[in-house]
Amino acid sequence: MGRYEIAIIGTGPAGLEAAITATVRNKKVLLLGSRESSLKVSKAHKIANYLGLPEIAGADLAAAYLKHIDAMGIQITEDKINAIYSMGDYFVLQGNENVMYEADAVILATGVVAGKPFPGEDENLGRGVSYCATCDAALYRGKSAVVIGYAPKEEPEAEFLAEIADKVTYLAMYPEETSFTRENVEVLRVKPLSIVRDGRMKLVTDQGEIESDGVFVLREAISPKQLVPGLATDGPHVTVDLQMKTNLPGCFACGDIAGTPYQYIKAAGQGNVAALSAVSYLDMKKRSGGK
């Protein structure tokens, strides 16, 4: 597995800028996310307030981001991080399929999570509610599960779960057609309302209740307080100071997750600050005799 010096979660403007700055400072960087994460940028028609690039099209700016990191040899590890644990002087990050990563410092640049958790979601996290179907699939052998998928890219997770579980009910929260090969996957177009644990799990929808042994909520991003236990938050945002430090030593946050305004140039600037702060943190640890 190896230990990275800085793990950066998120590949929007904040995460990419953090990776660039950390790489310039000769740190061993793990950049986690997707090359498609800049789709939000690419969909913008014109961006008028990006210094030095007046009236640039969003697609052109997104392409420039990727060209920059490619030129620097920065690789994106295509994985979704489901949990981050502070181990004192380092962090353990859990990806899909229970892949684990270790890093001395972490920068959160995952963007802001749209919408609130379902009633009952937080209370039952780890007690029938999960955010990673491939991680917890083994627990559902011979059982049933509900998967709430917010994008077509979540379908392979549900398909894998269906190889082990007796039945998977898939709630497609997007307009595109679904594509499953296994007959034990039932696709529904209903609206989830709440999650109730009464012996078995019950997902309450606008068209009735669905009973199962577990509920998987597969969103684009996980809310910060669920992603990092013990992290101080203010609503959907992580609480940071001007150096992008969180309340957890070695953990930094930048971009939309750190609060408004939701601006590309602000996100990139905060990514730069977060990386410099992470570098300073690591250098301080080294001088004080830390590993």
Protein backbone atom coordinates (compact mmCIF):
# COMPACT_ATOMS: atom_id res chain seq x y z
CA MET A 1 0.00 0.00 0.00
CA GLY A 2 2.71 2.50 0.95
CA ARG A 3 2.33 5.78 2.76
CA TYR A 4 1.66 9.03 0.91
CA GLU A 5 2.60 12.39 2.31
CA ILE A 6 -0.59 14.14 1.18
CA ALA A 7 -3.86 12.55 0.06
CA ILE A 8 -6.21 14.87 -1.81
CA ILE A 9 -9.84 13.84 -2.21
CA GLY A 10 -11.60 15.59 -5.06
CA THR A 11 -10.62 16.55 -8.59
CA GLY A 12 -12.43 19.82 -9.12
CA PRO A 13 -10.55 23.16 -9.21
CA ALA A 14 -9.65 23.01 -5.49
CA GLY A 15 -8.33 19.46 -5.54
CA LEU A 16 -6.39 19.84 -8.78
CA GLU A 17 -4.74 23.06 -7.62
CA ALA A 18 -3.85 21.45 -4.30
CA ALA A 19 -2.23 18.55 -6.17
CA ILE A 20 -0.27 20.92 -8.40
CA THR A 21 1.03 22.98 -5.47
CA ALA A 22 1.93 19.91 -3.40
CA THR A 23 3.74 18.37 -6.37
CA VAL A 24 5.70 21.58 -6.96
CA ARG A 25 6.75 21.33 -3.29
CA ASN A 26 8.09 17.80 -3.95
CA LYS A 27 5.55 15.94 -1.83
CA LYS A 28 4.37 12.40 -2.53
CA VAL A 29 0.76 13.02 -3.51
CA LEU A 30 -2.23 10.72 -3.86
CA LEU A 31 -5.00 12.41 -5.86
CA LEU A 32 -8.32 10.59 -5.57
CA GLY A 33 -11.37 11.24 -7.71
CA SER A 34 -12.23 11.17 -11.39
CA ARG A 35 -11.15 12.91 -14.56
CA GLU A 36 -14.86 13.62 -15.03
CA SER A 37 -15.10 15.64 -11.81
CA SER A 38 -14.69 18.89 -13.71
CA LEU A 39 -17.98 18.31 -15.55
CA LYS A 40 -19.53 21.02 -13.40
CA VAL A 41 -16.93 23.41 -14.79
CA SER A 42 -17.26 22.17 -18.36
CA LYS A 43 -21.02 22.78 -18.34
CA ALA A 44 -20.57 26.49 -17.65
CA HIS A 45 -21.13 28.55 -20.80
CA LYS A 46 -18.84 31.48 -20.00
CA ILE A 47 -16.76 32.28 -16.94
CA ALA A 48 -16.19 36.02 -16.67
CA ASN A 49 -14.25 36.44 -13.43
CA TYR A 50 -11.30 34.05 -13.80
CA LEU A 51 -8.16 36.22 -13.65
CA GLY A 52 -6.29 36.30 -16.95
CA LEU A 53 -8.90 34.25 -18.80
CA PRO A 54 -11.78 36.61 -19.64
CA GLU A 55 -14.90 35.03 -21.13
CA ILE A 56 -13.41 31.54 -21.15
CA ALA A 57 -15.85 28.71 -21.87
CA GLY A 58 -16.27 26.17 -19.09
CA ALA A 59 -15.27 23.29 -21.35
CA ASP A 60 -12.04 25.06 -22.26
CA LEU A 61 -11.21 25.73 -18.61
CA ALA A 62 -11.86 22.10 -17.65
CA ALA A 63 -9.63 20.94 -20.51
CA ALA A 64 -6.90 23.33 -19.35
CA TYR A 65 -7.08 21.88 -15.83
CA LEU A 66 -6.49 18.34 -17.08
CA LYS A 67 -3.78 19.43 -19.51
CA HIS A 68 -1.94 21.09 -16.62
CA ILE A 69 -1.92 18.05 -14.33
CA ASP A 70 -1.04 15.74 -17.23
CA ALA A 71 1.92 17.95 -18.10
CA MET A 72 3.13 17.63 -14.51
CA GLY A 73 2.71 13.87 -14.48
CA ILE A 74 0.04 13.96 -11.76
CA GLN A 75 -2.12 10.85 -11.89
CA ILE A 76 -5.71 10.60 -10.72
CA THR A 77 -6.57 7.44 -8.81
CA GLU A 78 -10.13 6.63 -9.85
CA ASP A 79 -11.70 5.65 -6.56
CA LYS A 80 -14.44 6.90 -4.27
CA ILE A 81 -13.42 7.41 -0.66
CA ASN A 82 -16.11 6.24 1.75
CA ALA A 83 -14.42 6.92 5.09
CA ILE A 84 -11.34 8.66 6.47
CA TYR A 85 -9.99 7.80 9.90
CA SER A 86 -7.47 9.83 11.90
CA MET A 87 -4.94 7.47 13.47
CA GLY A 88 -3.14 10.18 15.40
CA ASP A 89 -0.12 10.96 13.26
CA TYR A 90 -1.54 9.66 9.97
CA PHE A 91 -4.84 8.91 8.21
CA VAL A 92 -6.38 5.75 6.77
CA LEU A 93 -8.71 6.22 3.78
CA GLN A 94 -11.21 3.53 2.79
CA GLY A 95 -11.99 3.28 -0.91
CA ASN A 96 -14.35 1.05 -2.82
CA GLU A 97 -13.84 -2.71 -2.55
CA ASN A 98 -12.25 -2.05 0.86
CA VAL A 99 -9.05 -0.70 -0.69
CA MET A 100 -7.11 1.17 2.00
CA TYR A 101 -4.72 4.10 1.60
CA GLU A 102 -2.48 5.79 4.16
CA ALA A 103 -1.37 9.43 4.21
CA ASP A 104 0.36 11.76 6.66
CA ALA A 105 -2.00 14.61 5.75
CA VAL A 106 -5.38 14.87 4.03
CA ILE A 107 -6.95 17.64 1.95
CA LEU A 108 -10.72 17.48 1.48
CA ALA A 109 -11.87 19.03 -1.80
CA THR A 110 -14.97 16.96 -2.44
CA GLY A 111 -17.37 19.80 -3.14
CA VAL A 112 -20.55 20.49 -1.23
CA VAL A 113 -23.08 17.69 -0.86
CA ALA A 114 -26.44 18.69 -2.31
CA GLY A 115 -29.45 17.96 -0.17
CA LYS A 116 -29.83 16.70 3.37
CA PRO A 117 -29.52 13.13 4.64
CA PHE A 118 -32.77 11.21 4.73
CA PRO A 119 -34.48 11.10 8.11
CA GLY A 120 -33.06 8.02 9.81
CA GLU A 121 -29.94 7.92 7.62
CA ASP A 122 -27.44 9.25 10.15
CA GLU A 123 -28.94 7.29 13.03
CA ASN A 124 -28.65 3.97 11.16
CA LEU A 125 -25.25 4.50 9.56
CA GLY A 126 -23.32 1.27 10.20
CA ARG A 127 -26.53 -0.36 11.43
CA GLY A 128 -28.03 -1.19 8.05
CA VAL A 129 -27.17 2.00 6.16
CA SER A 130 -23.97 2.09 4.12
CA TYR A 131 -22.33 4.20 1.40
CA CYS A 132 -20.32 1.43 -0.30
CA ALA A 133 -22.02 -1.61 -1.81
CA THR A 134 -18.80 -3.31 -2.88
CA CYS A 135 -17.32 -2.82 0.60
CA ASP A 136 -20.22 -4.41 2.49
CA ALA A 137 -21.62 -6.82 -0.10
CA ALA A 138 -20.34 -9.87 1.80
CA LEU A 139 -22.68 -9.03 4.68
CA TYR A 140 -25.71 -9.54 2.42
CA ARG A 141 -25.21 -13.11 1.23
CA GLY A 142 -28.64 -14.65 1.04
CA LYS A 143 -30.27 -11.36 2.03
CA SER A 144 -31.96 -8.43 0.34
CA ALA A 145 -30.82 -4.83 -0.05
CA VAL A 146 -32.01 -1.52 -1.44
CA VAL A 147 -29.61 0.66 -3.42
CA ILE A 148 -30.35 4.35 -3.99
CA GLY A 149 -28.24 5.38 -6.97
CA TYR A 150 -27.80 9.01 -7.96
CA ALA A 151 -25.90 8.44 -11.23
CA PRO A 152 -25.52 5.68 -13.83
CA LYS A 153 -21.93 5.08 -12.69
CA GLU A 154 -23.34 3.58 -9.46
CA GLU A 155 -24.93 0.67 -11.35
CA PRO A 156 -21.82 -1.58 -11.30
CA GLU A 157 -21.85 -1.44 -7.49
CA ALA A 158 -25.46 -2.61 -7.43
CA GLU A 159 -24.66 -5.31 -10.01
CA PHE A 160 -21.80 -6.60 -7.84
CA LEU A 161 -24.04 -6.61 -4.78
CA ALA A 162 -26.61 -8.64 -6.73
CA GLU A 163 -24.00 -11.38 -7.27
CA ILE A 164 -24.08 -12.03 -3.52
CA ALA A 165 -27.48 -10.87 -2.26
CA ASP A 166 -30.69 -12.73 -3.09
CA LYS A 167 -32.42 -9.56 -4.24
CA VAL A 168 -31.42 -5.96 -4.93
CA THR A 169 -33.98 -3.20 -5.34
CA TYR A 170 -32.40 -0.33 -7.25
CA LEU A 171 -33.90 3.16 -7.01
CA ALA A 172 -32.65 5.17 -10.00
CA MET A 173 -32.54 8.85 -9.03
CA TYR A 174 -31.65 10.00 -12.56
CA PRO A 175 -33.51 10.10 -15.90
CA GLU A 176 -31.18 7.85 -17.91
CA GLU A 177 -32.13 4.25 -18.67
CA THR A 178 -30.63 1.62 -16.40
CA SER A 179 -28.66 -1.39 -17.60
CA PHE A 180 -28.48 -4.52 -15.46
CA THR A 181 -27.71 -8.08 -16.53
CA ARG A 182 -28.81 -9.90 -13.37
CA GLU A 183 -32.46 -10.90 -13.01
CA ASN A 184 -32.47 -10.37 -9.24
CA VAL A 185 -32.17 -6.58 -9.66
CA GLU A 186 -35.49 -4.76 -9.61
CA VAL A 187 -35.42 -1.14 -10.80
CA LEU A 188 -37.93 1.31 -9.33
CA ARG A 189 -38.61 4.96 -10.06
CA VAL A 190 -39.87 6.12 -6.68
CA LYS A 191 -38.85 8.93 -4.33
CA PRO A 192 -37.17 7.91 -1.05
CA LEU A 193 -38.47 9.79 1.98
CA SER A 194 -36.95 8.24 5.11
CA ILE A 195 -35.18 5.20 6.53
CA VAL A 196 -36.66 3.31 9.47
CA ARG A 197 -35.19 0.42 11.44
CA ASP A 198 -37.88 -1.76 12.96
CA GLY A 199 -36.32 -5.19 13.15
CA ARG A 200 -35.53 -5.04 9.43
CA MET A 201 -34.76 -1.88 7.49
CA LYS A 202 -37.65 -0.05 5.89
CA LEU A 203 -37.23 2.54 3.19
CA VAL A 204 -40.27 4.78 3.13
CA THR A 205 -41.02 6.14 -0.35
CA ASP A 206 -43.75 8.23 -1.95
CA GLN A 207 -45.30 4.96 -3.16
CA GLY A 208 -45.08 2.84 -0.03
CA GLU A 209 -42.47 1.03 2.07
CA ILE A 210 -39.70 -1.30 0.92
CA GLU A 211 -38.42 -3.82 3.46
CA SER A 212 -34.86 -5.11 3.23
CA ASP A 213 -31.84 -6.10 5.28
CA GLY A 214 -29.89 -2.98 4.34
CA VAL A 215 -29.98 0.31 2.47
CA PHE A 216 -27.08 1.65 0.38
CA VAL A 217 -27.08 5.36 -0.43
CA LEU A 218 -24.73 5.95 -3.37
CA ARG A 219 -24.37 9.70 -3.80
CA GLU A 220 -21.74 11.61 -5.75
CA ALA A 221 -20.19 12.69 -2.46
CA ILE A 222 -20.57 11.86 1.21
CA SER A 223 -21.27 14.62 3.71
CA PRO A 224 -18.08 15.64 5.54
CA LYS A 225 -19.18 14.69 9.04
CA GLN A 226 -20.02 11.19 7.80
CA LEU A 227 -16.83 10.95 5.76
CA VAL A 228 -14.45 11.94 8.58
CA PRO A 229 -15.51 11.04 12.13
CA GLY A 230 -14.88 13.89 14.54
CA LEU A 231 -14.67 16.58 11.86
CA ALA A 232 -16.19 19.93 12.85
CA THR A 233 -18.84 21.11 10.39
CA ASP A 234 -21.29 23.95 9.94
CA GLY A 235 -24.24 22.58 8.02
CA PRO A 236 -22.92 21.06 4.76
CA HIS A 237 -19.56 22.82 5.11
CA VAL A 238 -16.34 21.96 6.94
CA THR A 239 -15.22 24.50 9.52
CA VAL A 240 -11.79 25.88 8.52
CA ASP A 241 -9.54 28.80 9.39
CA LEU A 242 -7.76 31.06 6.90
CA GLN A 243 -5.05 28.41 6.40
CA MET A 244 -7.75 25.86 5.48
CA LYS A 245 -7.06 23.92 8.67
CA THR A 246 -9.86 21.85 10.19
CA ASN A 247 -10.17 20.89 13.85
CA LEU A 248 -8.26 17.65 13.13
CA PRO A 249 -4.46 18.07 12.96
CA GLY A 250 -3.23 17.21 9.47
CA CYS A 251 -6.66 17.53 7.87
CA PHE A 252 -7.40 20.49 5.59
CA ALA A 253 -10.40 21.46 3.45
CA CYS A 254 -10.85 23.76 0.47
CA GLY A 255 -13.27 24.74 -2.27
CA ASP A 256 -17.04 24.45 -2.05
CA ILE A 257 -16.83 22.11 0.94
CA ALA A 258 -15.23 24.96 2.92
CA GLY A 259 -18.18 27.30 2.33
CA THR A 260 -19.49 29.98 0.04
CA PRO A 261 -19.02 31.64 -2.38
CA TYR A 262 -19.06 28.71 -4.82
CA GLN A 263 -16.62 30.19 -7.32
CA TYR A 264 -14.00 28.38 -9.42
CA ILE A 265 -11.31 30.98 -8.81
CA LYS A 266 -11.96 30.92 -5.06
CA ALA A 267 -11.79 27.13 -5.02
CA ALA A 268 -8.47 27.09 -6.87
CA GLY A 269 -7.03 29.71 -4.52
CA GLN A 270 -8.08 27.76 -1.46
CA GLY A 271 -6.59 24.59 -2.96
CA ASN A 272 -3.26 26.40 -3.18
CA VAL A 273 -3.50 27.57 0.45
CA ALA A 274 -4.53 24.11 1.70
CA ALA A 275 -1.56 22.47 -0.02
CA LEU A 276 0.89 25.02 1.38
CA SER A 277 -0.58 24.51 4.85
CA ALA A 278 -0.28 20.73 4.49
CA VAL A 279 3.36 21.12 3.41
CA SER A 280 4.05 23.33 6.46
CA TYR A 281 2.35 20.78 8.70
CA LEU A 282 4.53 17.95 7.37
CA ASP A 283 7.70 20.01 7.65
CA MET A 284 6.82 20.90 11.25
CA LYS A 285 6.26 17.23 12.07
CA LYS A 286 9.63 16.37 10.56
CA ARG A 287 11.45 19.04 12.54
CA SER A 288 9.80 17.88 15.76
CA GLY A 289 10.92 14.31 15.16
CA GLY A 290 7.63 12.92 13.84
CA LYS A 291 7.62 10.27 11.15
